[in-house]
Amino acid sequence: MASVNLRNGESQDSLLKRFRKKVVKSGVLSTVRRKRWFVSKSEQRRMEKKKAVRRIKRRNVKEVE
């Protein structure tokens, strides 16, 4: 749970900015997005393989340049 306290003389905008940074660092939103739908084990493996293939292709393209 991310929480921030208002500092003396701090504006609402900077408080909100600090809160957003904490939320992003904690990884709460990415976890929520990932767990939004049920994904079976086989589907997870399939997705991980696709990601790995993409990663390898990107590395090879960068090395050629």
C-alpha atoms as a PDB file:
ATOM      1  CA  MET A   1       0.000   0.000   0.000  1.00  0.00           C
ATOM      2  CA  ALA A   2       1.519   3.287  -1.116  1.00  0.00           C
ATOM      3  CA  SER A   3       0.959   6.278   1.121  1.00  0.00           C
ATOM      4  CA  VAL A   4       2.411   9.781   1.300  1.00  0.00           C
ATOM      5  CA  ASN A   5       2.132  12.525   3.898  1.00  0.00           C
ATOM      6  CA  LEU A   6       1.698  16.182   3.047  1.00  0.00           C
ATOM      7  CA  ARG A   7       4.902  18.096   3.769  1.00  0.00           C
ATOM      8  CA  ASN A   8       4.934  21.649   5.120  1.00  0.00           C
ATOM      9  CA  GLY A   9       4.319  24.104   2.295  1.00  0.00           C
ATOM     10  CA  GLU A  10       3.896  21.342  -0.305  1.00  0.00           C
ATOM     11  CA  SER A  11       1.343  21.812  -3.064  1.00  0.00           C
ATOM     12  CA  GLN A  12      -1.341  19.283  -3.906  1.00  0.00           C
ATOM     13  CA  ASP A  13       0.249  18.773  -7.335  1.00  0.00           C
ATOM     14  CA  SER A  14       3.648  17.765  -5.967  1.00  0.00           C
ATOM     15  CA  LEU A  15       1.974  15.509  -3.394  1.00  0.00           C
ATOM     16  CA  LEU A  16       0.038  13.761  -6.160  1.00  0.00           C
ATOM     17  CA  LYS A  17       3.216  13.463  -8.238  1.00  0.00           C
ATOM     18  CA  ARG A  18       5.075  11.790  -5.336  1.00  0.00           C
ATOM     19  CA  PHE A  19       2.148   9.421  -4.769  1.00  0.00           C
ATOM     20  CA  ARG A  20       2.052   8.390  -8.430  1.00  0.00           C
ATOM     21  CA  LYS A  21       5.807   7.696  -8.387  1.00  0.00           C
ATOM     22  CA  LYS A  22       5.419   5.500  -5.304  1.00  0.00           C
ATOM     23  CA  VAL A  23       2.565   3.565  -6.896  1.00  0.00           C
ATOM     24  CA  VAL A  24       4.596   2.949 -10.059  1.00  0.00           C
ATOM     25  CA  LYS A  25       7.663   1.866  -8.059  1.00  0.00           C
ATOM     26  CA  SER A  26       5.638  -0.522  -5.920  1.00  0.00           C
ATOM     27  CA  GLY A  27       4.250  -2.237  -9.026  1.00  0.00           C
ATOM     28  CA  VAL A  28       0.646  -2.226  -7.846  1.00  0.00           C
ATOM     29  CA  LEU A  29      -0.830  -1.172 -11.189  1.00  0.00           C
ATOM     30  CA  SER A  30       1.144  -3.685 -13.237  1.00  0.00           C
ATOM     31  CA  THR A  31       0.018  -6.452 -10.882  1.00  0.00           C
ATOM     32  CA  VAL A  32      -3.614  -5.390 -11.172  1.00  0.00           C
ATOM     33  CA  ARG A  33      -3.421  -5.263 -14.969  1.00  0.00           C
ATOM     34  CA  ARG A  34      -1.760  -8.682 -15.114  1.00  0.00           C
ATOM     35  CA  LYS A  35      -4.320 -10.309 -12.805  1.00  0.00           C
ATOM     36  CA  ARG A  36      -7.312  -8.675 -14.446  1.00  0.00           C
ATOM     37  CA  TRP A  37      -8.164 -11.858 -16.352  1.00  0.00           C
ATOM     38  CA  PHE A  38      -7.469 -15.486 -15.557  1.00  0.00           C
ATOM     39  CA  VAL A  39      -4.664 -16.936 -17.669  1.00  0.00           C
ATOM     40  CA  SER A  40      -4.040 -20.674 -17.612  1.00  0.00           C
ATOM     41  CA  LYS A  41      -0.549 -22.100 -17.094  1.00  0.00           C
ATOM     42  CA  SER A  42      -0.289 -23.256 -20.702  1.00  0.00           C
ATOM     43  CA  GLU A  43      -1.294 -19.810 -21.954  1.00  0.00           C
ATOM     44  CA  GLN A  44       1.314 -18.194 -19.670  1.00  0.00           C
ATOM     45  CA  ARG A  45       4.023 -20.456 -21.061  1.00  0.00           C
ATOM     46  CA  ARG A  46       2.937 -19.661 -24.616  1.00  0.00           C
ATOM     47  CA  MET A  47       3.051 -15.920 -23.913  1.00  0.00           C
ATOM     48  CA  GLU A  48       6.481 -16.175 -22.267  1.00  0.00           C
ATOM     49  CA  LYS A  49       7.843 -18.052 -25.284  1.00  0.00           C
ATOM     50  CA  LYS A  50       6.502 -15.356 -27.619  1.00  0.00           C
ATOM     51  CA  LYS A  51       8.124 -12.652 -25.492  1.00  0.00           C
ATOM     52  CA  ALA A  52      11.434 -14.501 -25.501  1.00  0.00           C
ATOM     53  CA  VAL A  53      11.365 -14.863 -29.286  1.00  0.00           C
ATOM     54  CA  ARG A  54      10.621 -11.140 -29.691  1.00  0.00           C
ATOM     55  CA  ARG A  55      13.435 -10.262 -27.296  1.00  0.00           C
ATOM     56  CA  ILE A  56      15.920 -12.419 -29.202  1.00  0.00           C
ATOM     57  CA  LYS A  57      14.851 -10.907 -32.542  1.00  0.00           C
ATOM     58  CA  ARG A  58      15.289  -7.381 -31.173  1.00  0.00           C
ATOM     59  CA  ARG A  59      18.778  -8.206 -29.892  1.00  0.00           C
ATOM     60  CA  ASN A  60      19.767  -9.624 -33.274  1.00  0.00           C
ATOM     61  CA  VAL A  61      18.479  -6.543 -35.114  1.00  0.00           C
ATOM     62  CA  LYS A  62      20.415  -4.209 -32.811  1.00  0.00           C
ATOM     63  CA  GLU A  63      23.628  -6.204 -33.262  1.00  0.00           C
ATOM     64  CA  VAL A  64      23.375  -6.033 -37.051  1.00  0.00           C
ATOM     65  CA  GLU A  65      23.069  -2.240 -37.077  1.00  0.00           C
END
